[in-house]
Each structure stands twice: as structure tokens, then as C-alpha cells.
C-alpha atoms as a PDB file:
ATOM      1  CA  MET A   1     -16.692 -15.995   2.677  1.00  0.00           C
ATOM      2  CA  ASN A   2     -16.771 -16.788  -1.019  1.00  0.00           C
ATOM      3  CA  LEU A   3     -16.593 -13.641  -3.162  1.00  0.00           C
ATOM      4  CA  LEU A   4     -19.716 -14.614  -5.094  1.00  0.00           C
ATOM      5  CA  LEU A   5     -21.656 -14.800  -1.842  1.00  0.00           C
ATOM      6  CA  ARG A   6     -20.313 -11.409  -0.813  1.00  0.00           C
ATOM      7  CA  LEU A   7     -21.424  -9.970  -4.152  1.00  0.00           C
ATOM      8  CA  MET A   8     -24.930 -11.406  -3.768  1.00  0.00           C
ATOM      9  CA  LYS A   9     -25.113  -9.994  -0.240  1.00  0.00           C
ATOM     10  CA  ILE A  10     -24.034  -6.539  -1.461  1.00  0.00           C
ATOM     11  CA  LEU A  11     -26.632  -6.468  -4.247  1.00  0.00           C
ATOM     12  CA  LEU A  12     -29.421  -7.706  -1.971  1.00  0.00           C
ATOM     13  CA  ALA A  13     -28.596  -5.329   0.871  1.00  0.00           C
ATOM     14  CA  ALA A  14     -28.399  -2.359  -1.512  1.00  0.00           C
ATOM     15  CA  ARG A  15     -32.120  -2.763  -2.231  1.00  0.00           C
ATOM     16  CA  PHE A  16     -32.944  -1.950   1.398  1.00  0.00           C
ATOM     17  CA  ARG A  17     -30.327   0.695   2.123  1.00  0.00           C
ATOM     18  CA  ALA A  18     -30.671   4.432   1.633  1.00  0.00           C
ATOM     19  CA  PRO A  19     -29.982   5.686  -1.911  1.00  0.00           C
ATOM     20  CA  LEU A  20     -26.847   7.717  -2.507  1.00  0.00           C
ATOM     21  CA  SER A  21     -26.356  11.019  -4.301  1.00  0.00           C
ATOM     22  CA  LEU A  22     -23.559  11.693  -6.776  1.00  0.00           C
ATOM     23  CA  PHE A  23     -21.177  12.569  -3.935  1.00  0.00           C
ATOM     24  CA  GLY A  24     -22.658  10.154  -1.410  1.00  0.00           C
ATOM     25  CA  VAL A  25     -20.370   7.832   0.551  1.00  0.00           C
ATOM     26  CA  SER A  26     -20.874   4.071   0.399  1.00  0.00           C
ATOM     27  CA  ARG A  27     -20.005   2.264   3.632  1.00  0.00           C
ATOM     28  CA  VAL A  28     -19.826  -1.528   3.606  1.00  0.00           C
ATOM     29  CA  ARG A  29     -18.649  -3.737   6.461  1.00  0.00           C
ATOM     30  CA  PHE A  30     -16.647  -6.906   5.895  1.00  0.00           C
ATOM     31  CA  ARG A  31     -14.710  -9.478   7.884  1.00  0.00           C
ATOM     32  CA  VAL A  32     -11.317 -11.012   7.053  1.00  0.00           C
ATOM     33  CA  TRP A  33     -11.852 -14.717   6.324  1.00  0.00           C
ATOM     34  CA  PRO A  34      -9.196 -17.449   6.045  1.00  0.00           C
ATOM     35  CA  ASN A  35      -9.363 -17.439   2.235  1.00  0.00           C
ATOM     36  CA  ASP A  36      -8.430 -13.726   2.307  1.00  0.00           C
ATOM     37  CA  LEU A  37      -5.070 -14.379   3.971  1.00  0.00           C
ATOM     38  CA  ASP A  38      -1.550 -14.555   2.578  1.00  0.00           C
ATOM     39  CA  LEU A  39       1.534 -16.321   3.992  1.00  0.00           C
ATOM     40  CA  ASN A  40       1.981 -13.545   6.561  1.00  0.00           C
ATOM     41  CA  ARG A  41      -1.461 -14.353   7.978  1.00  0.00           C
ATOM     42  CA  HIS A  42      -3.062 -11.027   7.169  1.00  0.00           C
ATOM     43  CA  MET A  43      -5.302  -9.972   4.284  1.00  0.00           C
ATOM     44  CA  ASN A  44      -3.610 -10.455   0.936  1.00  0.00           C
ATOM     45  CA  ASN A  45      -2.728  -7.274  -0.962  1.00  0.00           C
ATOM     46  CA  GLY A  46      -4.613  -8.501  -4.017  1.00  0.00           C
ATOM     47  CA  ARG A  47      -7.742  -9.152  -1.947  1.00  0.00           C
ATOM     48  CA  PHE A  48      -7.926  -5.441  -1.117  1.00  0.00           C
ATOM     49  CA  LEU A  49      -8.383  -4.688  -4.821  1.00  0.00           C
ATOM     50  CA  THR A  50     -11.059  -7.380  -5.186  1.00  0.00           C
ATOM     51  CA  VAL A  51     -13.009  -6.079  -2.188  1.00  0.00           C
ATOM     52  CA  MET A  52     -12.787  -2.592  -3.700  1.00  0.00           C
ATOM     53  CA  ASP A  53     -14.816  -3.947  -6.641  1.00  0.00           C
ATOM     54  CA  LEU A  54     -17.578  -4.845  -4.176  1.00  0.00           C
ATOM     55  CA  GLY A  55     -17.467  -1.369  -2.659  1.00  0.00           C
ATOM     56  CA  ARG A  56     -17.902   0.257  -6.066  1.00  0.00           C
ATOM     57  CA  ILE A  57     -20.793  -2.090  -6.857  1.00  0.00           C
ATOM     58  CA  ASP A  58     -22.576  -0.980  -3.674  1.00  0.00           C
ATOM     59  CA  LEU A  59     -21.904   2.649  -4.612  1.00  0.00           C
ATOM     60  CA  MET A  60     -23.319   2.200  -8.125  1.00  0.00           C
ATOM     61  CA  ALA A  61     -26.305   0.151  -6.961  1.00  0.00           C
ATOM     62  CA  ARG A  62     -27.344   2.718  -4.368  1.00  0.00           C
ATOM     63  CA  MET A  63     -26.813   5.587  -6.814  1.00  0.00           C
ATOM     64  CA  GLY A  64     -29.300   3.825  -9.091  1.00  0.00           C
ATOM     65  CA  VAL A  65     -26.971   3.580 -12.071  1.00  0.00           C
ATOM     66  CA  LEU A  66     -26.825  -0.199 -12.548  1.00  0.00           C
ATOM     67  CA  GLY A  67     -30.188  -0.200 -14.307  1.00  0.00           C
ATOM     68  CA  ILE A  68     -29.112   2.716 -16.514  1.00  0.00           C
ATOM     69  CA  PHE A  69     -25.903   0.932 -17.466  1.00  0.00           C
ATOM     70  CA  LYS A  70     -27.766  -2.261 -18.309  1.00  0.00           C
ATOM     71  CA  LYS A  71     -30.363  -0.437 -20.423  1.00  0.00           C
ATOM     72  CA  ARG A  72     -27.723   1.489 -22.387  1.00  0.00           C
ATOM     73  CA  LYS A  73     -25.294  -1.453 -22.506  1.00  0.00           C
ATOM     74  CA  TRP A  74     -22.658   0.560 -20.716  1.00  0.00           C
ATOM     75  CA  MET A  75     -19.856  -1.188 -18.863  1.00  0.00           C
ATOM     76  CA  PRO A  76     -17.932   0.350 -15.940  1.00  0.00           C
ATOM     77  CA  VAL A  77     -14.201  -0.394 -16.132  1.00  0.00           C
ATOM     78  CA  VAL A  78     -11.116   0.482 -14.110  1.00  0.00           C
ATOM     79  CA  ALA A  79      -8.473   2.347 -16.116  1.00  0.00           C
ATOM     80  CA  ALA A  80      -5.975   2.619 -13.255  1.00  0.00           C
ATOM     81  CA  GLU A  81      -5.808   2.207  -9.507  1.00  0.00           C
ATOM     82  CA  THR A  82      -3.219   2.718  -6.820  1.00  0.00           C
ATOM     83  CA  ILE A  83      -3.322   1.759  -3.154  1.00  0.00           C
ATOM     84  CA  SER A  84      -1.272   2.723  -0.112  1.00  0.00           C
ATOM     85  CA  PHE A  85      -1.150   0.173   2.717  1.00  0.00           C
ATOM     86  CA  LYS A  86      -1.009   1.601   6.247  1.00  0.00           C
ATOM     87  CA  ARG A  87      -1.859  -1.253   8.617  1.00  0.00           C
ATOM     88  CA  PRO A  88      -2.614  -4.986   8.265  1.00  0.00           C
ATOM     89  CA  LEU A  89      -6.060  -6.525   8.474  1.00  0.00           C
ATOM     90  CA  ASN A  90      -5.804  -9.651  10.613  1.00  0.00           C
ATOM     91  CA  PRO A  91      -7.769 -12.950  10.577  1.00  0.00           C
ATOM     92  CA  PHE A  92     -11.480 -12.525  11.411  1.00  0.00           C
ATOM     93  CA  GLU A  93     -11.030  -8.789  11.958  1.00  0.00           C
ATOM     94  CA  ARG A  94     -13.954  -6.599  10.972  1.00  0.00           C
ATOM     95  CA  TYR A  95     -13.382  -3.553   8.809  1.00  0.00           C
ATOM     96  CA  GLU A  96     -15.321  -0.952   6.855  1.00  0.00           C
ATOM     97  CA  LEU A  97     -14.770   0.063   3.240  1.00  0.00           C
ATOM     98  CA  THR A  98     -15.845   3.548   2.212  1.00  0.00           C
ATOM     99  CA  SER A  99     -16.190   4.481  -1.460  1.00  0.00           C
ATOM    100  CA  ARG A 100     -16.961   7.862  -2.993  1.00  0.00           C
ATOM    101  CA  ILE A 101     -16.551   9.894  -6.173  1.00  0.00           C
ATOM    102  CA  LEU A 102     -14.058  12.711  -5.726  1.00  0.00           C
ATOM    103  CA  CYS A 103     -14.062  14.460  -9.116  1.00  0.00           C
ATOM    104  CA  TRP A 104     -13.934  13.878 -12.837  1.00  0.00           C
ATOM    105  CA  ASP A 105     -12.594  15.144 -16.130  1.00  0.00           C
ATOM    106  CA  GLU A 106     -13.891  14.740 -19.671  1.00  0.00           C
ATOM    107  CA  ARG A 107     -13.189  11.015 -19.825  1.00  0.00           C
ATOM    108  CA  PHE A 108     -12.656   9.625 -16.333  1.00  0.00           C
ATOM    109  CA  LEU A 109     -14.167   9.490 -12.870  1.00  0.00           C
ATOM    110  CA  TYR A 110     -11.790   9.565  -9.891  1.00  0.00           C
ATOM    111  CA  LEU A 111     -12.834   7.680  -6.775  1.00  0.00           C
ATOM    112  CA  GLU A 112     -11.409   7.286  -3.290  1.00  0.00           C
ATOM    113  CA  GLN A 113     -11.767   4.012  -1.386  1.00  0.00           C
ATOM    114  CA  VAL A 114     -10.622   3.651   2.220  1.00  0.00           C
ATOM    115  CA  PHE A 115     -10.322   0.554   4.429  1.00  0.00           C
ATOM    116  CA  VAL A 116     -10.973   1.444   8.068  1.00  0.00           C
ATOM    117  CA  LYS A 117     -10.261  -0.863  11.019  1.00  0.00           C
ATOM    118  CA  GLU A 118     -12.691  -1.228  13.920  1.00  0.00           C
ATOM    119  CA  ASN A 119     -10.549   1.104  16.025  1.00  0.00           C
ATOM    120  CA  GLY A 120     -11.054   3.837  13.419  1.00  0.00           C
ATOM    121  CA  LYS A 121      -7.521   3.711  12.031  1.00  0.00           C
ATOM    122  CA  VAL A 122      -6.966   3.554   8.269  1.00  0.00           C
ATOM    123  CA  ALA A 123      -5.673   0.200   6.989  1.00  0.00           C
ATOM    124  CA  ALA A 124      -5.361   1.262   3.345  1.00  0.00           C
ATOM    125  CA  ARG A 125      -6.335   4.116   1.043  1.00  0.00           C
ATOM    126  CA  ALA A 126      -6.816   3.800  -2.713  1.00  0.00           C
ATOM    127  CA  LEU A 127      -7.442   6.001  -5.720  1.00  0.00           C
ATOM    128  CA  VAL A 128      -9.332   4.631  -8.710  1.00  0.00           C
ATOM    129  CA  LYS A 129      -9.507   6.065 -12.227  1.00  0.00           C
ATOM    130  CA  ALA A 130     -12.700   4.673 -13.739  1.00  0.00           C
ATOM    131  CA  ALA A 131     -14.398   4.935 -17.099  1.00  0.00           C
ATOM    132  CA  ILE A 132     -17.631   3.818 -18.724  1.00  0.00           C
ATOM    133  CA  ARG A 133     -17.470   2.027 -22.048  1.00  0.00           C
ATOM    134  CA  ALA A 134     -20.151   1.295 -24.637  1.00  0.00           C
ATOM    135  CA  HIS A 135     -19.043  -1.285 -27.187  1.00  0.00           C
ATOM    136  CA  ALA A 136     -15.874   0.143 -28.760  1.00  0.00           C
ATOM    137  CA  ARG A 137     -16.189   3.712 -27.455  1.00  0.00           C
ATOM    138  CA  ALA A 138     -15.655   5.482 -24.164  1.00  0.00           C
ATOM    139  CA  VAL A 139     -18.681   7.271 -22.707  1.00  0.00           C
ATOM    140  CA  LYS A 140     -17.842  10.874 -21.829  1.00  0.00           C
ATOM    141  CA  THR A 141     -18.583  11.989 -18.300  1.00  0.00           C
ATOM    142  CA  GLN A 142     -21.004  14.651 -19.542  1.00  0.00           C
ATOM    143  CA  GLU A 143     -23.106  11.885 -21.101  1.00  0.00           C
ATOM    144  CA  ILE A 144     -23.010  10.005 -17.798  1.00  0.00           C
ATOM    145  CA  LEU A 145     -24.179  13.095 -15.894  1.00  0.00           C
ATOM    146  CA  GLU A 146     -27.034  13.579 -18.350  1.00  0.00           C
ATOM    147  CA  ALA A 147     -28.092   9.960 -17.810  1.00  0.00           C
ATOM    148  CA  LEU A 148     -28.095  10.646 -14.053  1.00  0.00           C
ATOM    149  CA  ALA A 149     -30.275  13.729 -14.607  1.00  0.00           C
ATOM    150  CA  VAL A 150     -27.575  16.094 -13.301  1.00  0.00           C
ATOM    151  CA  PRO A 151     -26.219  17.492 -16.591  1.00  0.00           C
ATOM    152  CA  LYS A 152     -25.140  20.835 -15.134  1.00  0.00           C
ATOM    153  CA  ARG A 153     -23.203  19.407 -12.203  1.00  0.00           C
ATOM    154  CA  LYS A 154     -19.601  20.592 -12.255  1.00  0.00           C
ATOM    155  CA  SER A 155     -16.682  18.554 -10.984  1.00  0.00           C
ATOM    156  CA  PRO A 156     -15.011  19.771  -7.805  1.00  0.00           C
ATOM    157  CA  PRO A 157     -11.463  21.024  -8.416  1.00  0.00           C
ATOM    158  CA  ILE A 158      -9.176  18.094  -9.203  1.00  0.00           C
ATOM    159  CA  PRO A 159      -6.486  17.973  -6.479  1.00  0.00           C
ATOM    160  CA  PRO A 160      -2.876  18.373  -7.711  1.00  0.00           C
ATOM    161  CA  GLY A 161      -2.010  14.921  -6.377  1.00  0.00           C
ATOM    162  CA  ILE A 162      -4.693  13.279  -8.518  1.00  0.00           C
ATOM    163  CA  LYS A 163      -3.567  15.261 -11.574  1.00  0.00           C
ATOM    164  CA  ALA A 164       0.007  14.060 -11.074  1.00  0.00           C
ATOM    165  CA  TRP A 165      -1.114  10.465 -10.551  1.00  0.00           C
ATOM    166  CA  ALA A 166      -3.374  10.569 -13.625  1.00  0.00           C
ATOM    167  CA  LEU A 167      -0.477  11.883 -15.708  1.00  0.00           C
ATOM    168  CA  ALA A 168       1.753   9.056 -14.463  1.00  0.00           C
ATOM    169  CA  ALA A 169      -0.978   6.526 -15.315  1.00  0.00           C
ATOM    170  CA  GLU A 170      -1.244   8.035 -18.796  1.00  0.00           C
ATOM    171  CA  TRP A 171       2.535   7.723 -19.217  1.00  0.00           C
ATOM    172  CA  MET A 172       2.247   4.015 -18.420  1.00  0.00           C
ATOM    173  CA  GLU A 173      -0.678   3.555 -20.818  1.00  0.00           C
ATOM    174  CA  GLU A 174       1.310   5.154 -23.624  1.00  0.00           C
ATOM    175  CA  GLY A 175       4.273   2.803 -23.219  1.00  0.00           C
ATOM    176  CA  GLY A 176       6.538   4.569 -20.769  1.00  0.00           C
ATOM    177  CA  GLU A 177       9.983   2.965 -20.629  1.00  0.00           C
ATOM    178  CA  PRO A 178      11.421   1.517 -17.389  1.00  0.00           C
ATOM    179  CA  ALA A 179      14.287   3.354 -15.736  1.00  0.00           C
ATOM    180  CA  ASN A 180      17.713   2.891 -17.303  1.00  0.00           C
ATOM    181  CA  ASP A 181      20.170   0.475 -15.733  1.00  0.00           C
ATOM    182  CA  PRO A 182      22.866   2.662 -14.098  1.00  0.00           C
ATOM    183  CA  GLY A 183      25.540   0.591 -15.801  1.00  0.00           C
ATOM    184  CA  SER A 184      24.060   0.842 -19.291  1.00  0.00           C
ATOM    185  CA  ALA A 185      23.951   3.610 -21.850  1.00  0.00           C
ATOM    186  CA  ALA A 186      21.039   6.012 -21.494  1.00  0.00           C
ATOM    187  CA  LYS A 187      18.077   5.230 -23.713  1.00  0.00           C
ATOM    188  CA  PRO A 188      16.555   7.957 -25.889  1.00  0.00           C
ATOM    189  CA  ASP A 189      13.284   9.450 -24.712  1.00  0.00           C
ATOM    190  CA  THR A 190      10.141   7.866 -26.111  1.00  0.00           C
ATOM    191  CA  PRO A 191       7.164   9.920 -27.334  1.00  0.00           C
ATOM    192  CA  ALA A 192       5.399   9.107 -24.073  1.00  0.00           C
ATOM    193  CA  THR A 193       8.224  10.417 -21.874  1.00  0.00           C
ATOM    194  CA  LEU A 194       8.638  13.501 -24.051  1.00  0.00           C
ATOM    195  CA  LYS A 195       4.939  14.238 -23.732  1.00  0.00           C
ATOM    196  CA  VAL A 196       5.121  14.055 -19.941  1.00  0.00           C
ATOM    197  CA  GLN A 197       8.207  16.285 -19.914  1.00  0.00           C
ATOM    198  CA  VAL A 198       6.555  18.889 -22.146  1.00  0.00           C
ATOM    199  CA  ARG A 199       3.463  19.010 -19.941  1.00  0.00           C
ATOM    200  CA  ALA A 200       5.592  19.369 -16.808  1.00  0.00           C
ATOM    201  CA  GLU A 201       7.598  22.186 -18.401  1.00  0.00           C
ATOM    202  CA  GLU A 202       4.400  23.979 -19.484  1.00  0.00           C
ATOM    203  CA  ARG A 203       3.011  23.809 -15.962  1.00  0.00           C
ATOM    204  CA  GLU A 204       6.301  25.115 -14.542  1.00  0.00           C
ATOM    205  CA  ARG A 205       6.303  28.046 -17.001  1.00  0.00           C
ATOM    206  CA  LYS A 206       2.734  28.980 -16.068  1.00  0.00           C
ATOM    207  CA  LYS A 207       3.606  28.745 -12.378  1.00  0.00           C
ATOM    208  CA  THR A 208       6.655  30.977 -12.842  1.00  0.00           C
ATOM    209  CA  ALA A 209       4.688  33.479 -14.958  1.00  0.00           C
ATOM    210  CA  GLY A 210       2.032  33.651 -12.258  1.00  0.00           C
ATOM    211  CA  LYS A 211       4.598  34.460  -9.586  1.00  0.00           C
ATOM    212  CA  GLU A 212       6.213  37.160 -11.727  1.00  0.00           C
ATOM    213  CA  GLY A 213       2.863  38.757 -12.465  1.00  0.00           C
ATOM    214  CA  ALA A 214       1.859  38.791  -8.807  1.00  0.00           C
END
């Protein structure tokens, strides 16, 4: 099915589905169509990312934030995303995409999106680092919570894995250098790599101090 038609279906269906809370789980069912396939005759890796956009749209629509974003001229954007592929999705196979907010920090929302086959097995799992922008500025998550009328809601603890992934994404954003060629001379550390190293060393010192004080 054409992606535009899928988008229209998502937006229309969201009007008649139950609203979602801040930590509600969006569940949308899809089918693998011929234009989703790659040369290996299963769903193309890039198509997973495109379908994830549709899942987040359903999540936002049913949370009631699309109208808020439009009124305030806010724009949701993806800052980073990573996906782990477990099993293929085959031609005409049905699958379900779940989307939910896991946690947040001062600037970003962290979402989990999971592709589930009809037999209940996971086909792929993704993490998304999302932000809201207004013209040339980033909207802080506290401002987003206030717009949603839940200003005092605290983020659940950010899992260590997400912290590590977010730090790696930040390293890439700040111009992290590729690994050195084993046969070439080592390159000097860039400010981005030094920053990551310093943060890692600080965390290790705190961890060691905690063990010694126990």
C-alpha cells in the first residue's frame, strides 16, 4: 500500500480509537506489501524506519498532541534512532508495531518501537531519540509536559543502555572521528572523543567511590 494511503488511514483511524496517556502504548497493524520488499524478498530495512514514522504519528494523534503542535507551530523531529533486526517480515505477512515513550531528559524524549510478527515473536526493536523544535529553538521537555497539562510528571529512571546509546549519538553529532586504519598512524583525539572519554572516566570514578564507601 502506498505510504500516503497508510498515513491517511492512520490519521482517520486515530479519531475513533481510544486516547492514550503519556505512557500509553500505540498498537498499529500493517501488512508487508510488494513495494516494501528488497532483493531478498522480505521487508526492506529502510521501510522499517518509514513505518516507525507512522507508528509515532498514531501515538501523537491519540495522545492529542498534534493539535497542540500545530497551534504552537512546534515540529516533532528525530535526533537519532537505532534498530536491531531479529527476524524477517515476509511478503503479505501481517505484523504489529508498538510505540511508547520510555523516558526523557531536559531536551529529548526516548521512545521504544517494536515490530511483532503474528506468532508473537519480535521482528525488530528500535530506540528513538526525539525532540520538538519551534523555529530555530529546541522546545524543552518541561515545556512539552506543561502543554500536555502534566507539568509535575517525572521521567522514569533512564536505563543505563539508553544513557550509553544517547552518549554515542551525541559523539556522532559532535563530529566523532571514524576508527583509525590499523596500518596508519594514530590520529589525535578530537574534542568530541575527549568529551566522551572524560564522561566515561567520571562515571567510573563515581562507581569506584561508591563501592569503596559501601
